Amino acid sequence: MPLFANTPVEKMTEPHPRRWWALLVLCLSLLIVVMANTSLIVAAPDMTKDLGLSSSDLQWVIDGYTVPYAALMLVLGAIGDKYSRRGALVLGLLIFAGGSVMGGLVDETNLVIVARAIMGVGAAVVMPATLSLLVAIFPRAERAKAITAWSATSGLAIAAGPLSAGWLLEDHAWGSTFLMNVPIAVLGVVGALLLVPPSKAKGMGRIDYVGGLLSIISVGSLVYATIEGPHFGWGVGPITAAVAAGVGLLAFVAWELKHPNPMLNVRKFTERPFSGSMLAVLFFFFGTFGSIYYSTQFLQFVLGYDALETGIRLLPLAGAVFAGAAVTGKLAPKLGVKLVVGTGMVIGTTGVFLLTQIESSSAYTAFLAPLLLLGFAIGLSLAPATDTIMGSFPEDELGVGGGANDTALELGASLGIAILGSLLATSYKDKLTGMIGGRLPAEAMDTAKDSVGGGIAVAEQVAKNPQGGAEQAQTLLGAVHESFAHAIAHTSLIGSIIMAAGTLIVIAVLPGRGHTTKHGAEEAARTTEEQTETVGA
């Protein structure tokens, strides 16, 4: 067996012998691009203190990664299909590593945001490549199991990011949370060359770059508007972006409908398995990332856990993801996608709803059941939804299929953090204003209302001020904690209502068990023919 995996998948007469090792490389690559989103949550307090970040700065340090990540996946997935899926994976990992090095070494806010954007571009190359390579490498009979492992990795990364970042922050500066990506990315590049075979689409026509550009404008503008508008006001920038997103989407649909070789065949959205599964992925990550965003803040700012302690307390979510993934492998083939995905969405909605019971006196145990339910729901439902999405695409569009799936995932996460984060901030501000009123100087009050971290910082300053004292500081701290707990409960109620509505839509859209996608049916027929020929031989 040669050292390097150089035989293209298209020329193999049998399944790739090292495919399960190749899956490990794909999952490792996926792990670091998702961790880059979640690890920054626990590193944010250190970065804010060291760089003097404003609320706007911090938001864009986080979301500088998100905008290119979400906007470029569809186009870059198609380019990977055309030229080389493995080449895309390797190039994406190198870009991601380069951005990580830059982010770990610079000490100026704008440069950190640029570094995060470079990492986002790399992630947009890597993520669809992992999924398209997986589908290309594995035969249909093993594909569901491989996609389950891929999906479980996404859930694991939600907890692994804060845990690994917290461990590093015990003894190192926040830059280490960027630099930890570099050795993993290098390992991924080496593993890809040794274990992942080359693959590209056969007979793929010219890439629809106009449709690709319109998709970038639409998704990028939508993500920008949902980040900037709710948090910082609907000024000229966010309104312009929202209009551009709407116009861009209409232009994209019109162009794709008439194009002979579209970037994304938008008629697929009339196929109920595809559209229902896309909505399921979007709503899952909307609820999960939004809930993790504010739950992590409560653990750090109200309960006082440091970064490592917070990461450890998110581990039950990762364990529940693996439990759900183990169950779905047995249930999905027997019960069908609709029942399994619908059940998972009900469980996930229940997890978000339980956070409505959070109070200022709540301990970590109040978050345990929601974390377990959200993790189990992801493990149960994400794999069959992703398998259905990928089954909707022919072999020469696997990168586009991966890009579509991953765009729904990242868009859901972005909307969850942006919309639920904005509701959280507004609810916190209103509650604290009602409790404190005019008992603080205007500047201090503005800082306290900006965020729970700002409120705690003001309370610390009051404690040091001879005119304030410990008693007044404790009163303010109690009001900050109560306001933030109220905000979590209020936001979770709205979030669970959105999730419940999404659950009903997904259940209504997904067809019954007897329905399958056109390409899924064709592949199943080919698999049956191959098995028949084998038996006959």
Protein backbone atom coordinates (compact mmCIF):
# COMPACT_ATOMS: atom_id res chain seq x y z
CA MET A 1 0.00 0.00 0.00
CA PRO A 2 1.55 3.38 -1.02
CA LEU A 3 2.42 5.93 1.66
CA PHE A 4 0.37 8.73 0.08
CA ALA A 5 -3.28 8.31 -0.94
CA ASN A 6 -2.87 9.38 -4.57
CA THR A 7 -5.40 7.17 -6.37
CA PRO A 8 -8.48 9.32 -7.14
CA VAL A 9 -11.79 8.07 -5.78
CA GLU A 10 -13.21 8.10 -9.30
CA LYS A 11 -10.67 5.45 -10.41
CA MET A 12 -11.18 3.09 -7.47
CA THR A 13 -12.97 -0.19 -8.19
CA GLU A 14 -13.50 -0.85 -4.46
CA PRO A 15 -14.08 1.42 -1.46
CA HIS A 16 -10.99 3.27 -0.23
CA PRO A 17 -9.22 0.87 2.19
CA ARG A 18 -8.20 3.67 4.58
CA ARG A 19 -11.58 5.39 4.53
CA TRP A 20 -12.15 5.20 8.31
CA TRP A 21 -8.74 6.77 8.95
CA ALA A 22 -9.62 9.37 6.32
CA LEU A 23 -12.84 10.05 8.26
CA LEU A 24 -10.72 10.81 11.34
CA VAL A 25 -8.82 13.45 9.35
CA LEU A 26 -12.07 14.97 8.07
CA CYS A 27 -13.56 15.08 11.57
CA LEU A 28 -10.38 16.63 13.00
CA SER A 29 -10.51 19.33 10.31
CA LEU A 30 -14.17 19.99 11.08
CA LEU A 31 -13.44 20.10 14.81
CA ILE A 32 -11.05 23.04 14.68
CA VAL A 33 -13.19 25.22 12.40
CA VAL A 34 -16.22 24.83 14.70
CA MET A 35 -14.08 25.20 17.85
CA ALA A 36 -12.83 28.54 16.52
CA ASN A 37 -16.37 29.86 17.04
CA THR A 38 -16.93 28.46 20.54
CA SER A 39 -13.47 28.86 22.10
CA LEU A 40 -13.66 32.63 21.82
CA ILE A 41 -16.69 32.72 24.11
CA VAL A 42 -14.57 31.98 27.20
CA ALA A 43 -11.57 33.98 25.93
CA ALA A 44 -13.69 37.13 25.46
CA PRO A 45 -13.26 38.53 29.01
CA ASP A 46 -9.43 38.36 28.78
CA MET A 47 -9.45 39.87 25.29
CA THR A 48 -11.78 42.66 26.38
CA LYS A 49 -9.51 43.58 29.30
CA ASP A 50 -6.23 43.32 27.39
CA LEU A 51 -7.31 45.09 24.17
CA GLY A 52 -9.80 47.49 25.76
CA LEU A 53 -12.59 46.21 23.52
CA SER A 54 -15.89 48.04 23.33
CA SER A 55 -19.10 46.06 22.96
CA SER A 56 -18.97 46.69 19.20
CA ASP A 57 -15.32 45.63 19.00
CA LEU A 58 -15.97 42.38 20.82
CA GLN A 59 -18.95 41.62 18.63
CA TRP A 60 -16.84 41.96 15.50
CA VAL A 61 -13.89 40.05 16.91
CA ILE A 62 -16.36 37.17 17.25
CA ASP A 63 -18.30 37.73 14.04
CA GLY A 64 -15.40 38.74 11.80
CA TYR A 65 -15.07 34.97 11.44
CA THR A 66 -18.76 34.37 10.84
CA VAL A 67 -19.47 36.63 7.86
CA PRO A 68 -16.95 35.15 5.35
CA TYR A 69 -17.51 31.68 6.79
CA ALA A 70 -21.24 31.73 6.07
CA ALA A 71 -21.09 33.73 2.82
CA LEU A 72 -18.40 31.78 0.95
CA MET A 73 -19.17 28.12 1.66
CA LEU A 74 -21.51 27.53 -1.28
CA VAL A 75 -19.11 29.00 -3.86
CA LEU A 76 -15.98 27.42 -2.42
CA GLY A 77 -17.73 24.06 -2.21
CA ALA A 78 -18.44 24.26 -5.95
CA ILE A 79 -14.83 25.21 -6.70
CA GLY A 80 -13.67 22.21 -4.68
CA ASP A 81 -15.99 19.98 -6.72
CA LYS A 82 -14.56 21.34 -9.97
CA TYR A 83 -10.84 21.21 -9.27
CA SER A 84 -10.01 19.11 -6.18
CA ARG A 85 -11.87 18.40 -2.96
CA ARG A 86 -8.73 17.22 -1.18
CA GLY A 87 -6.83 20.22 -2.54
CA ALA A 88 -9.55 22.48 -1.15
CA LEU A 89 -9.26 20.80 2.25
CA VAL A 90 -5.46 21.26 2.36
CA LEU A 91 -5.61 24.86 1.11
CA GLY A 92 -8.36 25.74 3.57
CA LEU A 93 -6.41 24.31 6.50
CA LEU A 94 -3.33 26.31 5.50
CA ILE A 95 -5.34 29.56 5.23
CA PHE A 96 -6.98 28.80 8.56
CA ALA A 97 -3.58 28.16 10.18
CA GLY A 98 -2.20 31.41 8.74
CA GLY A 99 -5.07 33.41 10.19
CA SER A 100 -4.61 31.66 13.53
CA VAL A 101 -0.92 32.59 13.64
CA MET A 102 -1.76 36.21 12.88
CA GLY A 103 -4.52 36.30 15.51
CA GLY A 104 -2.22 34.86 18.15
CA LEU A 105 0.57 37.36 17.56
CA VAL A 106 -1.11 40.73 16.95
CA ASP A 107 -2.24 43.02 19.75
CA GLU A 108 -4.43 45.56 17.95
CA THR A 109 -8.20 45.18 17.66
CA ASN A 110 -8.57 45.73 13.91
CA LEU A 111 -5.77 43.27 13.16
CA VAL A 112 -7.45 40.64 15.36
CA ILE A 113 -10.67 41.15 13.40
CA VAL A 114 -8.74 40.76 10.11
CA ALA A 115 -7.13 37.57 11.43
CA ARG A 116 -10.54 36.20 12.35
CA ALA A 117 -11.82 37.03 8.86
CA ILE A 118 -8.89 35.14 7.29
CA MET A 119 -9.70 32.16 9.51
CA GLY A 120 -13.32 32.43 8.35
CA VAL A 121 -12.24 32.21 4.71
CA GLY A 122 -10.19 29.11 5.52
CA ALA A 123 -13.11 27.56 7.38
CA ALA A 124 -15.40 28.24 4.40
CA VAL A 125 -13.05 26.15 2.25
CA VAL A 126 -12.57 23.37 4.82
CA MET A 127 -16.09 22.67 6.00
CA PRO A 128 -17.87 21.80 2.71
CA ALA A 129 -14.74 19.89 1.60
CA THR A 130 -14.97 17.61 4.65
CA LEU A 131 -18.56 16.67 3.88
CA SER A 132 -18.15 16.27 0.11
CA LEU A 133 -15.05 14.08 0.60
CA LEU A 134 -16.90 11.96 3.14
CA VAL A 135 -19.76 11.30 0.74
CA ALA A 136 -17.36 10.62 -2.14
CA ILE A 137 -15.19 8.19 -0.17
CA PHE A 138 -17.83 6.11 1.62
CA PRO A 139 -20.18 3.71 -0.14
CA ARG A 140 -23.88 4.30 0.44
CA ALA A 141 -24.16 1.41 2.91
CA GLU A 142 -21.62 3.03 5.26
CA ARG A 143 -22.39 6.68 4.59
CA ALA A 144 -25.01 7.20 7.30
CA LYS A 145 -22.60 5.92 9.94
CA ALA A 146 -19.82 8.20 8.66
CA ILE A 147 -22.13 11.24 8.59
CA THR A 148 -23.21 10.42 12.15
CA ALA A 149 -19.56 10.63 13.24
CA TRP A 150 -19.19 13.92 11.32
CA SER A 151 -22.31 15.36 12.96
CA ALA A 152 -21.23 14.22 16.42
CA THR A 153 -17.95 16.06 15.87
CA SER A 154 -19.89 19.30 15.31
CA GLY A 155 -21.59 18.84 18.66
CA LEU A 156 -18.35 17.86 20.39
CA ALA A 157 -16.70 21.07 19.16
CA ILE A 158 -19.34 23.19 20.92
CA ALA A 159 -18.00 21.95 24.26
CA ALA A 160 -14.40 21.21 23.25
CA GLY A 161 -13.76 24.83 22.22
CA PRO A 162 -14.47 26.40 25.63
CA LEU A 163 -12.75 23.51 27.43
CA SER A 164 -9.49 23.68 25.47
CA ALA A 165 -9.46 27.49 25.53
CA GLY A 166 -10.14 27.49 29.27
CA TRP A 167 -7.28 25.07 29.88
CA LEU A 168 -4.87 27.28 27.93
CA LEU A 169 -6.03 30.47 29.63
CA GLU A 170 -5.05 29.04 33.02
CA ASP A 171 -1.37 29.75 32.22
CA HIS A 172 -1.29 31.61 28.91
CA ALA A 173 -2.61 34.79 27.32
CA TRP A 174 -5.68 34.84 25.04
CA GLY A 175 -3.46 34.57 21.95
CA SER A 176 -2.91 30.90 22.81
CA THR A 177 -6.54 30.19 21.90
CA PHE A 178 -5.64 31.15 18.31
CA LEU A 179 -2.29 29.38 18.21
CA MET A 180 -3.73 26.07 19.43
CA ASN A 181 -5.30 25.68 15.98
CA VAL A 182 -1.95 25.62 14.17
CA PRO A 183 -0.58 22.17 15.14
CA ILE A 184 -4.02 20.62 14.58
CA ALA A 185 -4.27 22.22 11.13
CA VAL A 186 -0.77 20.98 10.22
CA LEU A 187 -1.71 17.49 11.42
CA GLY A 188 -4.83 17.71 9.26
CA VAL A 189 -2.77 18.66 6.17
CA VAL A 190 -0.38 15.74 6.69
CA GLY A 191 -3.27 13.37 7.38
CA ALA A 192 -5.10 14.54 4.25
CA LEU A 193 -2.09 13.80 2.04
CA LEU A 194 -1.49 10.39 3.61
CA LEU A 195 -5.04 9.12 4.11
CA VAL A 196 -7.59 11.11 2.07
CA PRO A 197 -7.70 10.24 -1.64
CA PRO A 198 -8.08 12.94 -4.32
CA SER A 199 -11.61 13.52 -5.56
CA LYS A 200 -13.38 15.84 -7.96
CA ALA A 201 -16.60 15.89 -9.93
CA LYS A 202 -16.74 14.05 -13.23
CA GLY A 203 -18.00 16.01 -16.23
CA MET A 204 -18.80 19.15 -14.25
CA GLY A 205 -19.50 22.13 -16.47
CA ARG A 206 -18.39 25.72 -16.01
CA ILE A 207 -18.92 27.18 -12.57
CA ASP A 208 -21.77 29.66 -12.30
CA TYR A 209 -19.72 32.53 -10.87
CA VAL A 210 -22.53 35.08 -11.27
CA GLY A 211 -24.81 32.92 -9.13
CA GLY A 212 -21.91 32.44 -6.72
CA LEU A 213 -21.40 36.21 -6.42
CA LEU A 214 -25.11 36.75 -5.82
CA SER A 215 -25.10 34.08 -3.10
CA ILE A 216 -22.13 35.78 -1.41
CA ILE A 217 -23.91 39.15 -1.48
CA SER A 218 -27.16 37.66 -0.17
CA VAL A 219 -25.78 35.57 2.67
CA GLY A 220 -23.00 37.98 3.63
CA SER A 221 -25.38 40.96 3.76
CA LEU A 222 -27.96 38.98 5.74
CA VAL A 223 -25.41 37.88 8.34
CA TYR A 224 -23.98 41.41 8.61
CA ALA A 225 -27.44 42.95 9.06
CA THR A 226 -28.49 40.44 11.72
CA ILE A 227 -25.26 41.03 13.65
CA GLU A 228 -25.05 44.80 13.39
CA GLY A 229 -28.70 45.90 13.44
CA PRO A 230 -30.06 44.25 16.61
CA HIS A 231 -26.95 45.04 18.65
CA PHE A 232 -26.03 48.55 17.53
CA GLY A 233 -29.16 50.00 15.98
CA TRP A 234 -30.70 49.99 12.53
CA GLY A 235 -28.64 52.76 10.99
CA VAL A 236 -27.69 53.21 7.36
CA GLY A 237 -25.26 50.27 7.29
CA PRO A 238 -27.55 47.51 8.61
CA ILE A 239 -30.58 48.76 6.64
CA THR A 240 -28.52 48.88 3.44
CA ALA A 241 -27.23 45.37 4.13
CA ALA A 242 -30.77 44.07 4.76
CA VAL A 243 -31.98 45.58 1.48
CA ALA A 244 -28.95 44.13 -0.34
CA ALA A 245 -29.70 40.72 1.14
CA GLY A 246 -33.32 40.82 -0.05
CA VAL A 247 -32.52 42.11 -3.53
CA GLY A 248 -29.55 39.75 -3.82
CA LEU A 249 -31.71 36.76 -2.87
CA LEU A 250 -34.37 37.60 -5.46
CA ALA A 251 -31.69 38.12 -8.11
CA PHE A 252 -30.00 34.83 -7.12
CA VAL A 253 -33.24 32.85 -7.43
CA ALA A 254 -34.12 34.47 -10.77
CA TRP A 255 -30.63 33.83 -12.16
CA GLU A 256 -30.44 30.23 -10.95
CA LEU A 257 -33.86 29.37 -12.37
CA LYS A 258 -32.82 30.34 -15.89
CA HIS A 259 -29.16 29.26 -15.79
CA PRO A 260 -28.41 25.93 -17.57
CA ASN A 261 -25.74 24.99 -15.00
CA PRO A 262 -26.71 26.83 -11.79
CA MET A 263 -24.51 27.19 -8.72
CA LEU A 264 -27.41 25.80 -6.66
CA ASN A 265 -30.51 24.33 -8.24
CA VAL A 266 -33.07 26.32 -6.24
CA ARG A 267 -35.81 23.96 -7.42
CA LYS A 268 -34.46 21.58 -4.79
CA PHE A 269 -36.29 23.68 -2.20
CA THR A 270 -39.53 22.29 -3.64
CA GLU A 271 -38.31 18.83 -2.58
CA ARG A 272 -39.69 18.31 0.90
CA PRO A 273 -36.86 16.13 2.26
CA PHE A 274 -34.26 18.71 1.27
CA SER A 275 -36.07 21.85 2.43
CA GLY A 276 -37.29 20.24 5.67
CA SER A 277 -33.80 19.02 6.54
CA MET A 278 -32.24 22.41 5.74
CA LEU A 279 -34.73 24.10 8.07
CA ALA A 280 -34.03 21.52 10.79
CA VAL A 281 -30.27 22.20 10.66
CA LEU A 282 -30.87 25.96 10.77
CA PHE A 283 -33.25 25.84 13.73
CA PHE A 284 -31.08 23.40 15.69
CA PHE A 285 -28.06 25.67 15.59
CA PHE A 286 -30.18 28.78 16.13
CA GLY A 287 -31.34 27.43 19.49
CA THR A 288 -28.10 25.73 20.52
CA PHE A 289 -25.63 28.53 19.80
CA GLY A 290 -27.97 31.21 21.16
CA SER A 291 -28.47 29.27 24.40
CA ILE A 292 -24.78 28.45 24.82
CA TYR A 293 -23.93 32.11 24.20
CA TYR A 294 -25.82 33.41 27.22
CA SER A 295 -25.56 30.32 29.42
CA THR A 296 -21.77 30.58 29.28
CA GLN A 297 -21.97 34.22 30.35
CA PHE A 298 -24.11 33.27 33.36
CA LEU A 299 -21.61 30.59 34.40
CA GLN A 300 -18.73 33.05 34.16
CA PHE A 301 -20.18 36.36 35.33
CA VAL A 302 -22.88 35.31 37.80
CA LEU A 303 -21.60 32.00 39.16
CA GLY A 304 -17.99 33.12 38.96
CA TYR A 305 -16.47 30.15 37.14
CA ASP A 306 -13.21 30.77 35.31
CA ALA A 307 -12.67 29.79 31.68
CA LEU A 308 -11.53 26.23 32.41
CA GLU A 309 -14.30 25.58 34.95
CA THR A 310 -16.84 26.87 32.42
CA GLY A 311 -15.48 24.58 29.71
CA ILE A 312 -15.66 21.56 32.01
CA ARG A 313 -19.30 22.33 32.79
CA LEU A 314 -20.17 22.25 29.10
CA LEU A 315 -18.89 18.68 28.74
CA PRO A 316 -22.30 17.07 29.45
CA LEU A 317 -23.51 18.60 26.19
CA ALA A 318 -20.74 16.79 24.29
CA GLY A 319 -21.52 13.52 26.06
CA ALA A 320 -25.20 13.89 25.21
CA VAL A 321 -24.32 14.50 21.54
CA PHE A 322 -22.53 11.15 21.40
CA ALA A 323 -25.42 9.43 23.17
CA GLY A 324 -27.87 10.86 20.63
CA ALA A 325 -25.58 9.89 17.75
CA ALA A 326 -25.42 6.30 19.05
CA VAL A 327 -29.21 6.15 19.23
CA THR A 328 -29.88 7.69 15.82
CA GLY A 329 -27.80 5.04 14.09
CA LYS A 330 -30.31 2.44 15.27
CA LEU A 331 -33.54 4.47 15.12
CA ALA A 332 -33.28 6.48 11.88
CA PRO A 333 -33.27 3.44 9.53
CA LYS A 334 -36.29 1.97 11.36
CA LEU A 335 -38.39 5.04 12.10
CA GLY A 336 -37.48 7.36 9.23
CA VAL A 337 -36.07 10.87 9.06
CA LYS A 338 -39.31 12.72 9.84
CA LEU A 339 -39.95 11.01 13.17
CA VAL A 340 -36.33 11.09 14.34
CA VAL A 341 -35.67 14.72 13.34
CA GLY A 342 -39.07 15.87 14.64
CA THR A 343 -38.47 14.14 17.98
CA GLY A 344 -35.04 15.73 18.23
CA MET A 345 -36.48 19.18 17.60
CA VAL A 346 -39.10 18.67 20.32
CA ILE A 347 -36.33 17.65 22.75
CA GLY A 348 -34.16 20.63 21.74
CA THR A 349 -37.09 23.03 22.15
CA THR A 350 -37.73 21.62 25.61
CA GLY A 351 -34.07 22.22 26.51
CA VAL A 352 -34.31 25.90 25.53
CA PHE A 353 -37.64 26.26 27.37
CA LEU A 354 -36.14 24.94 30.63
CA LEU A 355 -33.84 27.96 30.69
CA THR A 356 -36.92 30.12 31.37
CA GLN A 357 -36.63 28.88 34.97
CA ILE A 358 -33.24 30.53 35.54
CA GLU A 359 -33.08 32.91 38.51
CA SER A 360 -30.27 34.93 40.07
CA SER A 361 -29.97 32.24 42.76
CA SER A 362 -29.77 29.37 40.23
CA ALA A 363 -26.79 27.04 40.48
CA TYR A 364 -25.06 25.12 37.70
CA THR A 365 -27.50 22.25 38.13
CA ALA A 366 -30.23 24.43 36.60
CA PHE A 367 -28.26 24.39 33.33
CA LEU A 368 -27.47 20.68 33.36
CA ALA A 369 -30.81 19.39 32.00
CA PRO A 370 -30.97 21.99 29.18
CA LEU A 371 -27.40 21.13 28.12
CA LEU A 372 -28.16 17.41 28.12
CA LEU A 373 -31.36 17.85 26.13
CA LEU A 374 -29.76 20.16 23.54
CA GLY A 375 -26.80 17.82 23.10
CA PHE A 376 -28.97 14.73 22.76
CA ALA A 377 -31.22 16.51 20.25
CA ILE A 378 -28.24 17.46 18.05
CA GLY A 379 -26.82 13.94 18.19
CA LEU A 380 -30.20 12.40 17.39
CA SER A 381 -31.28 14.60 14.51
CA LEU A 382 -28.35 16.33 12.81
CA ALA A 383 -26.95 13.21 11.11
CA PRO A 384 -30.19 12.08 9.39
CA ALA A 385 -30.92 15.66 8.32
CA THR A 386 -27.41 16.06 6.86
CA ASP A 387 -27.59 12.65 5.19
CA THR A 388 -30.87 13.67 3.56
CA ILE A 389 -29.41 16.97 2.32
CA MET A 390 -26.36 15.28 0.82
CA GLY A 391 -28.55 12.58 -0.73
CA SER A 392 -30.35 15.31 -2.66
CA PHE A 393 -27.24 16.09 -4.73
CA PRO A 394 -25.58 14.11 -7.55
CA GLU A 395 -21.91 13.18 -7.35
CA ASP A 396 -20.74 16.23 -9.29
CA GLU A 397 -22.41 18.61 -6.81
CA LEU A 398 -21.26 17.15 -3.48
CA GLY A 399 -19.29 20.28 -2.59
CA VAL A 400 -22.35 22.42 -3.28
CA GLY A 401 -24.40 20.05 -1.13
CA GLY A 402 -21.87 20.35 1.68
CA GLY A 403 -21.85 24.11 1.24
CA ALA A 404 -25.66 24.28 1.42
CA ASN A 405 -25.77 22.13 4.57
CA ASP A 406 -22.98 24.11 6.23
CA THR A 407 -24.48 27.47 5.25
CA ALA A 408 -27.72 26.47 7.00
CA LEU A 409 -25.70 25.41 10.04
CA GLU A 410 -23.61 28.58 10.24
CA LEU A 411 -26.53 30.86 9.36
CA GLY A 412 -28.56 29.29 12.17
CA ALA A 413 -25.71 29.78 14.65
CA SER A 414 -25.23 33.41 13.54
CA LEU A 415 -28.93 34.21 13.78
CA GLY A 416 -29.15 32.52 17.18
CA ILE A 417 -26.32 34.56 18.66
CA ALA A 418 -27.41 37.80 16.96
CA ILE A 419 -31.17 37.66 17.56
CA LEU A 420 -31.21 36.01 20.97
CA GLY A 421 -28.14 38.01 22.02
CA SER A 422 -29.93 41.24 21.09
CA LEU A 423 -33.07 40.23 22.98
CA LEU A 424 -30.89 39.35 25.97
CA ALA A 425 -29.14 42.73 25.92
CA THR A 426 -32.41 44.67 25.62
CA SER A 427 -34.13 42.71 28.39
CA TYR A 428 -31.11 43.08 30.69
CA LYS A 429 -30.88 46.81 30.05
CA ASP A 430 -34.60 47.42 30.68
CA LYS A 431 -34.66 45.36 33.88
CA LEU A 432 -31.51 46.98 35.32
CA THR A 433 -32.79 50.47 34.49
CA GLY A 434 -36.01 49.71 36.37
CA MET A 435 -34.12 48.41 39.41
CA ILE A 436 -31.34 51.03 39.65
CA GLY A 437 -32.99 54.06 38.07
CA GLY A 438 -30.97 57.26 38.60
CA ARG A 439 -28.90 56.00 41.52
CA LEU A 440 -25.70 55.89 39.44
CA PRO A 441 -23.91 58.62 37.48
CA ALA A 442 -24.94 58.63 33.82
CA GLU A 443 -21.61 57.31 32.53
CA ALA A 444 -21.48 54.49 35.08
CA MET A 445 -25.10 53.61 34.36
CA ASP A 446 -24.39 53.39 30.64
CA THR A 447 -21.48 51.02 31.31
CA ALA A 448 -23.56 48.88 33.66
CA LYS A 449 -26.41 48.61 31.13
CA ASP A 450 -24.07 47.69 28.27
CA SER A 451 -23.48 44.13 29.48
CA VAL A 452 -23.40 41.95 32.59
CA GLY A 453 -19.60 42.23 32.55
CA GLY A 454 -19.90 46.01 32.50
CA GLY A 455 -22.34 45.92 35.41
CA ILE A 456 -19.96 43.81 37.50
CA ALA A 457 -17.07 46.15 36.65
CA VAL A 458 -19.10 49.16 37.82
CA ALA A 459 -19.98 47.35 41.05
CA GLU A 460 -16.27 46.76 41.67
CA GLN A 461 -15.56 50.45 41.15
CA VAL A 462 -18.37 51.42 43.52
CA ALA A 463 -16.86 49.14 46.19
CA LYS A 464 -13.53 51.02 45.91
CA ASN A 465 -15.15 54.46 45.99
CA PRO A 466 -15.37 56.03 49.51
CA GLN A 467 -18.73 57.55 48.54
CA GLY A 468 -20.07 54.12 47.60
CA GLY A 469 -18.88 51.30 49.78
CA ALA A 470 -19.42 47.57 50.02
CA GLU A 471 -23.13 47.73 50.79
CA GLN A 472 -24.01 49.86 47.76
CA ALA A 473 -21.74 47.74 45.59
CA GLN A 474 -23.45 44.57 46.78
CA THR A 475 -26.86 46.07 46.04
CA LEU A 476 -25.75 46.94 42.52
CA LEU A 477 -24.19 43.49 42.00
CA GLY A 478 -27.42 41.84 43.13
CA ALA A 479 -29.40 43.97 40.67
CA VAL A 480 -27.00 43.07 37.84
CA HIS A 481 -27.31 39.34 38.61
CA GLU A 482 -31.10 39.51 38.89
CA SER A 483 -31.39 41.53 35.67
CA PHE A 484 -29.23 39.09 33.74
CA ALA A 485 -31.13 36.06 35.08
CA HIS A 486 -34.39 37.76 34.11
CA ALA A 487 -32.96 38.44 30.65
CA ILE A 488 -32.01 34.78 30.19
CA ALA A 489 -35.46 33.60 31.23
CA HIS A 490 -37.20 36.12 28.96
CA THR A 491 -34.92 35.42 25.98
CA SER A 492 -35.28 31.66 26.43
CA LEU A 493 -39.06 31.98 26.34
CA ILE A 494 -38.91 33.76 23.00
CA GLY A 495 -36.23 31.37 21.77
CA SER A 496 -38.32 28.33 22.68
CA ILE A 497 -41.35 29.82 20.92
CA ILE A 498 -39.24 30.29 17.76
CA MET A 499 -37.92 26.74 18.12
CA ALA A 500 -41.44 25.37 18.62
CA ALA A 501 -42.65 27.16 15.50
CA GLY A 502 -39.65 25.80 13.62
CA THR A 503 -40.43 22.30 14.88
CA LEU A 504 -43.99 22.47 13.57
CA ILE A 505 -42.78 23.76 10.19
CA VAL A 506 -40.15 21.03 9.86
CA ILE A 507 -42.61 18.29 10.82
CA ALA A 508 -45.11 19.66 8.28
CA VAL A 509 -42.51 19.90 5.50
CA LEU A 510 -40.65 16.60 5.93
CA PRO A 511 -42.42 13.77 4.12
CA GLY A 512 -43.29 10.39 5.58
CA ARG A 513 -40.96 7.45 5.69
CA GLY A 514 -41.80 6.11 2.23
CA HIS A 515 -40.51 9.23 0.47
CA THR A 516 -36.90 9.52 -0.68
CA THR A 517 -34.86 11.98 -2.70
CA LYS A 518 -34.39 11.38 -6.41
CA HIS A 519 -30.64 10.92 -6.09
CA GLY A 520 -31.07 8.85 -2.93
CA ALA A 521 -33.40 6.51 -4.82
CA GLU A 522 -30.95 6.23 -7.70
CA GLU A 523 -28.08 5.41 -5.34
CA ALA A 524 -30.17 2.88 -3.46
CA ALA A 525 -31.06 1.21 -6.76
CA ARG A 526 -27.38 1.09 -7.75
CA THR A 527 -26.48 -0.37 -4.36
CA THR A 528 -29.12 -3.08 -4.75
CA GLU A 529 -27.85 -3.93 -8.24
CA GLU A 530 -24.27 -4.17 -6.97
CA GLN A 531 -25.33 -6.44 -4.11
CA THR A 532 -27.32 -8.63 -6.54
CA GLU A 533 -24.33 -8.93 -8.87
CA THR A 534 -22.12 -9.88 -5.93
CA VAL A 535 -24.55 -12.60 -4.80
CA GLY A 536 -24.90 -13.87 -8.37
CA ALA A 537 -21.16 -14.11 -8.74
